[in-house]
Amino acid sequence: MFCTSMIDVANEVGVNSYVYFASPASFLGFMLHLPVLTKLSAELDDSDAELRIPGFVKPVPVSVLPTFFLTRNKDDGCSWFEYNATKYKEAKGIIVNTFKELENHALDSVSAVLRYRSRADT
């Protein structure tokens, strides 16, 4: 999750790069959805709002999210997560710390966003 700069190195030397994502697939779906959330952050001041986030089966109340995920400040933690999620899309694949029976919906959502095929299907 933290060495996304190595994706650029792998691309320069012509080898495939993979990301090991130690967090659940649902959090990966959340990270990949951050650019959309950042654009909506001005409209999400209402703490009663619920968000449809790929990877989560049920809507997520805005009030349960850490506030730095919904700010536009480039110096906050959200920009770091958003940058890394963008880099994940450049990798050849992502190895996620989960299994299909536990996070079926999340894996299907992430696979659709990234256009990867889940190896759990084979």
N, C-alpha and C. Protein backbone atom coordinates (compact mmCIF):
# COMPACT_ATOMS: atom_id res chain seq x y z
N MET A 1 0.82 -1.19 0.00
CA MET A 1 0.00 0.00 0.00
C MET A 1 0.87 1.25 0.00
N PHE A 2 2.06 1.17 0.57
CA PHE A 2 2.85 2.38 0.76
C PHE A 2 3.97 2.56 -0.25
N CYS A 3 4.22 1.61 -1.11
CA CYS A 3 5.35 1.69 -2.03
C CYS A 3 4.89 1.87 -3.47
N THR A 4 3.92 2.71 -3.68
CA THR A 4 3.39 2.87 -5.04
C THR A 4 4.39 3.53 -5.98
N SER A 5 5.41 4.20 -5.45
CA SER A 5 6.43 4.76 -6.33
C SER A 5 7.20 3.66 -7.05
N MET A 6 7.20 2.46 -6.50
CA MET A 6 7.89 1.34 -7.15
C MET A 6 7.16 0.90 -8.43
N ILE A 7 5.91 1.28 -8.59
CA ILE A 7 5.19 0.99 -9.83
C ILE A 7 5.87 1.71 -10.98
N ASP A 8 6.30 2.96 -10.75
CA ASP A 8 7.01 3.72 -11.78
C ASP A 8 8.34 3.06 -12.12
N VAL A 9 9.04 2.59 -11.10
CA VAL A 9 10.33 1.92 -11.32
C VAL A 9 10.12 0.65 -12.16
N ALA A 10 9.12 -0.13 -11.82
CA ALA A 10 8.83 -1.35 -12.57
C ALA A 10 8.50 -1.03 -14.03
N ASN A 11 7.72 0.03 -14.24
CA ASN A 11 7.39 0.43 -15.61
C ASN A 11 8.63 0.85 -16.38
N GLU A 12 9.56 1.55 -15.72
CA GLU A 12 10.79 2.00 -16.38
C GLU A 12 11.66 0.83 -16.82
N VAL A 13 11.72 -0.21 -16.02
CA VAL A 13 12.58 -1.35 -16.38
C VAL A 13 11.82 -2.43 -17.13
N GLY A 14 10.52 -2.23 -17.34
CA GLY A 14 9.74 -3.13 -18.17
C GLY A 14 9.30 -4.42 -17.49
N VAL A 15 9.07 -4.38 -16.19
CA VAL A 15 8.56 -5.56 -15.50
C VAL A 15 7.17 -5.26 -14.94
N ASN A 16 6.41 -6.31 -14.73
CA ASN A 16 5.06 -6.14 -14.17
C ASN A 16 5.14 -5.75 -12.71
N SER A 17 4.21 -4.92 -12.30
CA SER A 17 4.14 -4.51 -10.89
C SER A 17 2.81 -4.95 -10.31
N TYR A 18 2.87 -5.37 -9.07
CA TYR A 18 1.67 -5.79 -8.34
C TYR A 18 1.66 -5.07 -7.00
N VAL A 19 0.48 -4.83 -6.49
CA VAL A 19 0.31 -4.18 -5.19
C VAL A 19 -0.23 -5.22 -4.23
N TYR A 20 0.39 -5.31 -3.05
CA TYR A 20 -0.19 -6.12 -1.98
C TYR A 20 -0.97 -5.17 -1.08
N PHE A 21 -2.27 -5.36 -1.01
CA PHE A 21 -3.15 -4.50 -0.24
C PHE A 21 -3.55 -5.26 1.02
N ALA A 22 -2.95 -4.89 2.16
CA ALA A 22 -3.15 -5.64 3.40
C ALA A 22 -4.49 -5.37 4.07
N SER A 23 -5.15 -4.31 3.67
CA SER A 23 -6.47 -3.99 4.23
C SER A 23 -7.56 -4.75 3.47
N PRO A 24 -8.79 -4.75 3.97
CA PRO A 24 -9.87 -5.48 3.30
C PRO A 24 -10.21 -4.89 1.92
N ALA A 25 -10.84 -5.70 1.10
CA ALA A 25 -11.25 -5.26 -0.24
C ALA A 25 -12.26 -4.12 -0.17
N SER A 26 -13.07 -4.08 0.87
CA SER A 26 -14.04 -2.98 1.00
C SER A 26 -13.32 -1.65 1.15
N PHE A 27 -12.18 -1.62 1.86
CA PHE A 27 -11.43 -0.37 1.99
C PHE A 27 -10.76 0.00 0.67
N LEU A 28 -10.34 -0.98 -0.10
CA LEU A 28 -9.80 -0.71 -1.43
C LEU A 28 -10.88 -0.06 -2.30
N GLY A 29 -12.09 -0.58 -2.24
CA GLY A 29 -13.20 0.03 -2.98
C GLY A 29 -13.44 1.46 -2.54
N PHE A 30 -13.34 1.70 -1.24
CA PHE A 30 -13.49 3.06 -0.71
C PHE A 30 -12.40 3.98 -1.26
N MET A 31 -11.15 3.51 -1.24
CA MET A 31 -10.05 4.33 -1.74
C MET A 31 -10.21 4.65 -3.22
N LEU A 32 -10.64 3.68 -4.00
CA LEU A 32 -10.82 3.91 -5.43
C LEU A 32 -11.97 4.88 -5.70
N HIS A 33 -12.87 5.02 -4.75
CA HIS A 33 -14.02 5.92 -4.89
C HIS A 33 -13.72 7.33 -4.36
N LEU A 34 -12.55 7.54 -3.77
CA LEU A 34 -12.21 8.84 -3.18
C LEU A 34 -12.28 10.02 -4.15
N PRO A 35 -11.84 9.89 -5.41
CA PRO A 35 -11.96 11.04 -6.30
C PRO A 35 -13.41 11.53 -6.44
N VAL A 36 -14.35 10.62 -6.46
CA VAL A 36 -15.77 11.00 -6.53
C VAL A 36 -16.18 11.67 -5.23
N LEU A 37 -15.77 11.13 -4.10
CA LEU A 37 -16.11 11.72 -2.80
C LEU A 37 -15.51 13.10 -2.64
N THR A 38 -14.29 13.29 -3.14
CA THR A 38 -13.65 14.59 -3.04
C THR A 38 -14.44 15.64 -3.82
N LYS A 39 -14.93 15.27 -4.99
CA LYS A 39 -15.74 16.20 -5.78
C LYS A 39 -17.06 16.52 -5.10
N LEU A 40 -17.58 15.58 -4.34
CA LEU A 40 -18.87 15.77 -3.66
C LEU A 40 -18.72 16.39 -2.27
N SER A 41 -17.50 16.61 -1.81
CA SER A 41 -17.30 16.99 -0.41
C SER A 41 -18.05 18.25 -0.01
N ALA A 42 -18.19 19.21 -0.92
CA ALA A 42 -18.93 20.43 -0.58
C ALA A 42 -20.40 20.14 -0.34
N GLU A 43 -20.92 19.13 -1.00
CA GLU A 43 -22.33 18.79 -0.86
C GLU A 43 -22.59 17.84 0.32
N LEU A 44 -21.54 17.39 0.97
CA LEU A 44 -21.70 16.39 2.02
C LEU A 44 -21.63 16.97 3.43
N ASP A 45 -21.91 18.24 3.55
CA ASP A 45 -21.90 18.86 4.88
C ASP A 45 -23.04 18.34 5.74
N ASP A 46 -24.07 17.83 5.11
CA ASP A 46 -25.21 17.27 5.85
C ASP A 46 -24.79 15.92 6.43
N SER A 47 -24.65 15.86 7.74
CA SER A 47 -24.16 14.63 8.36
C SER A 47 -25.18 13.49 8.30
N ASP A 48 -26.41 13.78 7.86
CA ASP A 48 -27.42 12.73 7.73
C ASP A 48 -27.35 12.01 6.38
N ALA A 49 -26.50 12.52 5.47
CA ALA A 49 -26.40 11.92 4.14
C ALA A 49 -25.79 10.53 4.23
N GLU A 50 -26.17 9.68 3.29
CA GLU A 50 -25.60 8.33 3.18
C GLU A 50 -25.00 8.17 1.80
N LEU A 51 -23.84 7.56 1.73
CA LEU A 51 -23.11 7.41 0.48
C LEU A 51 -23.16 5.97 0.00
N ARG A 52 -23.32 5.81 -1.29
CA ARG A 52 -23.19 4.49 -1.92
C ARG A 52 -21.73 4.38 -2.36
N ILE A 53 -21.01 3.50 -1.71
CA ILE A 53 -19.59 3.33 -1.99
C ILE A 53 -19.37 1.92 -2.54
N PRO A 54 -18.72 1.81 -3.71
CA PRO A 54 -18.45 0.48 -4.25
C PRO A 54 -17.65 -0.34 -3.22
N GLY A 55 -18.07 -1.54 -3.01
CA GLY A 55 -17.41 -2.40 -2.05
C GLY A 55 -18.17 -2.55 -0.75
N PHE A 56 -19.08 -1.63 -0.48
CA PHE A 56 -19.92 -1.71 0.72
C PHE A 56 -21.32 -2.12 0.28
N VAL A 57 -21.90 -3.08 0.95
CA VAL A 57 -23.22 -3.57 0.59
C VAL A 57 -24.29 -2.52 0.90
N LYS A 58 -24.16 -1.89 2.05
CA LYS A 58 -25.16 -0.90 2.48
C LYS A 58 -24.59 0.50 2.37
N PRO A 59 -25.46 1.51 2.26
CA PRO A 59 -24.98 2.90 2.24
C PRO A 59 -24.23 3.24 3.53
N VAL A 60 -23.24 4.11 3.41
CA VAL A 60 -22.41 4.51 4.55
C VAL A 60 -22.78 5.92 4.97
N PRO A 61 -23.17 6.13 6.23
CA PRO A 61 -23.48 7.49 6.70
C PRO A 61 -22.22 8.36 6.68
N VAL A 62 -22.35 9.59 6.21
CA VAL A 62 -21.23 10.51 6.17
C VAL A 62 -20.66 10.73 7.57
N SER A 63 -21.50 10.69 8.55
CA SER A 63 -21.08 10.97 9.93
C SER A 63 -20.07 9.96 10.48
N VAL A 64 -19.95 8.78 9.89
CA VAL A 64 -19.00 7.79 10.40
C VAL A 64 -17.64 7.87 9.71
N LEU A 65 -17.50 8.68 8.67
CA LEU A 65 -16.23 8.81 7.96
C LEU A 65 -15.33 9.81 8.67
N PRO A 66 -14.02 9.55 8.71
CA PRO A 66 -13.10 10.55 9.25
C PRO A 66 -13.20 11.84 8.44
N THR A 67 -13.15 12.97 9.10
CA THR A 67 -13.38 14.25 8.41
C THR A 67 -12.36 14.53 7.32
N PHE A 68 -11.13 14.04 7.46
CA PHE A 68 -10.14 14.36 6.44
C PHE A 68 -10.43 13.69 5.10
N PHE A 69 -11.32 12.70 5.07
CA PHE A 69 -11.70 12.10 3.80
C PHE A 69 -12.64 12.99 3.00
N LEU A 70 -13.20 13.98 3.61
CA LEU A 70 -14.20 14.82 2.94
C LEU A 70 -13.78 16.27 2.83
N THR A 71 -12.48 16.54 2.88
CA THR A 71 -12.00 17.91 2.75
C THR A 71 -11.31 18.09 1.41
N ARG A 72 -11.14 19.32 1.02
CA ARG A 72 -10.47 19.62 -0.24
C ARG A 72 -9.03 20.09 -0.04
N ASN A 73 -8.56 20.10 1.18
CA ASN A 73 -7.22 20.55 1.50
C ASN A 73 -6.20 19.55 0.96
N LYS A 74 -5.29 20.01 0.13
CA LYS A 74 -4.31 19.11 -0.49
C LYS A 74 -3.26 18.60 0.50
N ASP A 75 -3.18 19.22 1.68
CA ASP A 75 -2.19 18.81 2.68
C ASP A 75 -2.75 17.80 3.67
N ASP A 76 -3.96 17.36 3.46
CA ASP A 76 -4.56 16.43 4.42
C ASP A 76 -4.31 14.98 4.00
N GLY A 77 -4.75 14.06 4.80
CA GLY A 77 -4.54 12.64 4.53
C GLY A 77 -5.28 12.13 3.32
N CYS A 78 -6.39 12.76 2.97
CA CYS A 78 -7.19 12.29 1.84
C CYS A 78 -6.41 12.31 0.54
N SER A 79 -5.62 13.37 0.33
CA SER A 79 -4.87 13.46 -0.92
C SER A 79 -3.85 12.33 -1.03
N TRP A 80 -3.27 11.91 0.11
CA TRP A 80 -2.33 10.79 0.09
C TRP A 80 -3.03 9.51 -0.32
N PHE A 81 -4.19 9.23 0.26
CA PHE A 81 -4.96 8.04 -0.09
C PHE A 81 -5.40 8.09 -1.55
N GLU A 82 -5.84 9.26 -2.00
CA GLU A 82 -6.31 9.41 -3.38
C GLU A 82 -5.17 9.18 -4.37
N TYR A 83 -3.98 9.72 -4.07
CA TYR A 83 -2.82 9.52 -4.93
C TYR A 83 -2.48 8.03 -5.05
N ASN A 84 -2.42 7.35 -3.91
CA ASN A 84 -2.09 5.93 -3.93
C ASN A 84 -3.13 5.11 -4.68
N ALA A 85 -4.39 5.43 -4.50
CA ALA A 85 -5.45 4.71 -5.21
C ALA A 85 -5.31 4.90 -6.72
N THR A 86 -4.90 6.09 -7.13
CA THR A 86 -4.68 6.35 -8.56
C THR A 86 -3.52 5.50 -9.08
N LYS A 87 -2.48 5.37 -8.28
CA LYS A 87 -1.33 4.56 -8.68
C LYS A 87 -1.68 3.07 -8.75
N TYR A 88 -2.59 2.61 -7.90
CA TYR A 88 -2.98 1.20 -7.92
C TYR A 88 -3.51 0.80 -9.30
N LYS A 89 -4.17 1.74 -9.97
CA LYS A 89 -4.74 1.45 -11.29
C LYS A 89 -3.66 1.20 -12.33
N GLU A 90 -2.43 1.63 -12.06
CA GLU A 90 -1.33 1.44 -13.00
C GLU A 90 -0.65 0.08 -12.83
N ALA A 91 -0.93 -0.60 -11.74
CA ALA A 91 -0.31 -1.90 -11.48
C ALA A 91 -0.95 -2.98 -12.35
N LYS A 92 -0.21 -4.04 -12.56
CA LYS A 92 -0.73 -5.17 -13.34
C LYS A 92 -1.82 -5.91 -12.58
N GLY A 93 -1.76 -5.86 -11.25
CA GLY A 93 -2.76 -6.52 -10.42
C GLY A 93 -2.62 -6.11 -8.97
N ILE A 94 -3.62 -6.46 -8.19
CA ILE A 94 -3.62 -6.15 -6.76
C ILE A 94 -3.94 -7.43 -5.99
N ILE A 95 -3.08 -7.75 -5.05
CA ILE A 95 -3.31 -8.89 -4.17
C ILE A 95 -3.95 -8.33 -2.90
N VAL A 96 -5.16 -8.77 -2.61
CA VAL A 96 -5.92 -8.21 -1.49
C VAL A 96 -6.01 -9.24 -0.37
N ASN A 97 -5.87 -8.77 0.85
CA ASN A 97 -5.91 -9.63 2.03
C ASN A 97 -7.36 -9.98 2.39
N THR A 98 -7.94 -10.89 1.64
CA THR A 98 -9.32 -11.31 1.88
C THR A 98 -9.58 -12.63 1.18
N PHE A 99 -10.80 -13.09 1.22
CA PHE A 99 -11.20 -14.24 0.42
C PHE A 99 -12.63 -14.03 -0.05
N LYS A 100 -12.97 -14.68 -1.14
CA LYS A 100 -14.24 -14.44 -1.84
C LYS A 100 -15.46 -14.63 -0.95
N GLU A 101 -15.46 -15.65 -0.12
CA GLU A 101 -16.62 -15.92 0.73
C GLU A 101 -16.85 -14.82 1.76
N LEU A 102 -15.82 -14.11 2.14
CA LEU A 102 -15.94 -13.05 3.14
C LEU A 102 -16.38 -11.73 2.52
N GLU A 103 -15.80 -11.38 1.39
CA GLU A 103 -16.06 -10.07 0.78
C GLU A 103 -16.44 -10.19 -0.69
N ASN A 104 -17.39 -11.02 -0.98
CA ASN A 104 -17.82 -11.25 -2.35
C ASN A 104 -18.22 -9.95 -3.04
N HIS A 105 -19.09 -9.17 -2.40
CA HIS A 105 -19.57 -7.92 -3.00
C HIS A 105 -18.41 -6.94 -3.23
N ALA A 106 -17.53 -6.82 -2.26
CA ALA A 106 -16.41 -5.89 -2.38
C ALA A 106 -15.47 -6.31 -3.51
N LEU A 107 -15.16 -7.58 -3.60
CA LEU A 107 -14.27 -8.05 -4.67
C LEU A 107 -14.90 -7.85 -6.05
N ASP A 108 -16.18 -8.11 -6.17
CA ASP A 108 -16.86 -7.88 -7.45
C ASP A 108 -16.84 -6.40 -7.82
N SER A 109 -17.07 -5.53 -6.84
CA SER A 109 -17.07 -4.09 -7.10
C SER A 109 -15.69 -3.60 -7.52
N VAL A 110 -14.67 -4.03 -6.80
CA VAL A 110 -13.30 -3.61 -7.12
C VAL A 110 -12.88 -4.16 -8.48
N SER A 111 -13.22 -5.41 -8.76
CA SER A 111 -12.88 -6.00 -10.06
C SER A 111 -13.52 -5.23 -11.20
N ALA A 112 -14.75 -4.76 -10.99
CA ALA A 112 -15.44 -3.99 -12.03
C ALA A 112 -14.77 -2.64 -12.25
N VAL A 113 -14.36 -2.00 -11.17
CA VAL A 113 -13.72 -0.68 -11.28
C VAL A 113 -12.37 -0.80 -11.95
N LEU A 114 -11.59 -1.79 -11.57
CA LEU A 114 -10.23 -1.95 -12.08
C LEU A 114 -10.15 -2.78 -13.34
N ARG A 115 -11.23 -3.45 -13.68
CA ARG A 115 -11.27 -4.36 -14.83
C ARG A 115 -10.26 -5.50 -14.68
N TYR A 116 -10.07 -5.93 -13.44
CA TYR A 116 -9.27 -7.12 -13.16
C TYR A 116 -10.23 -8.28 -12.98
N ARG A 117 -9.75 -9.46 -13.26
CA ARG A 117 -10.54 -10.66 -12.99
C ARG A 117 -10.06 -11.23 -11.67
N SER A 118 -10.99 -11.52 -10.82
CA SER A 118 -10.65 -12.09 -9.51
C SER A 118 -10.08 -13.49 -9.69
N ARG A 119 -8.92 -13.76 -9.10
CA ARG A 119 -8.32 -15.09 -9.17
C ARG A 119 -9.11 -16.09 -8.34
N ALA A 120 -9.93 -15.58 -7.43
CA ALA A 120 -10.76 -16.47 -6.62
C ALA A 120 -11.81 -17.17 -7.48
N ASP A 121 -12.05 -16.63 -8.67
CA ASP A 121 -13.03 -17.22 -9.58
C ASP A 121 -12.49 -18.44 -10.31
N THR A 122 -11.18 -18.64 -10.27
CA THR A 122 -10.59 -19.74 -11.03
C THR A 122 -10.44 -20.99 -10.20
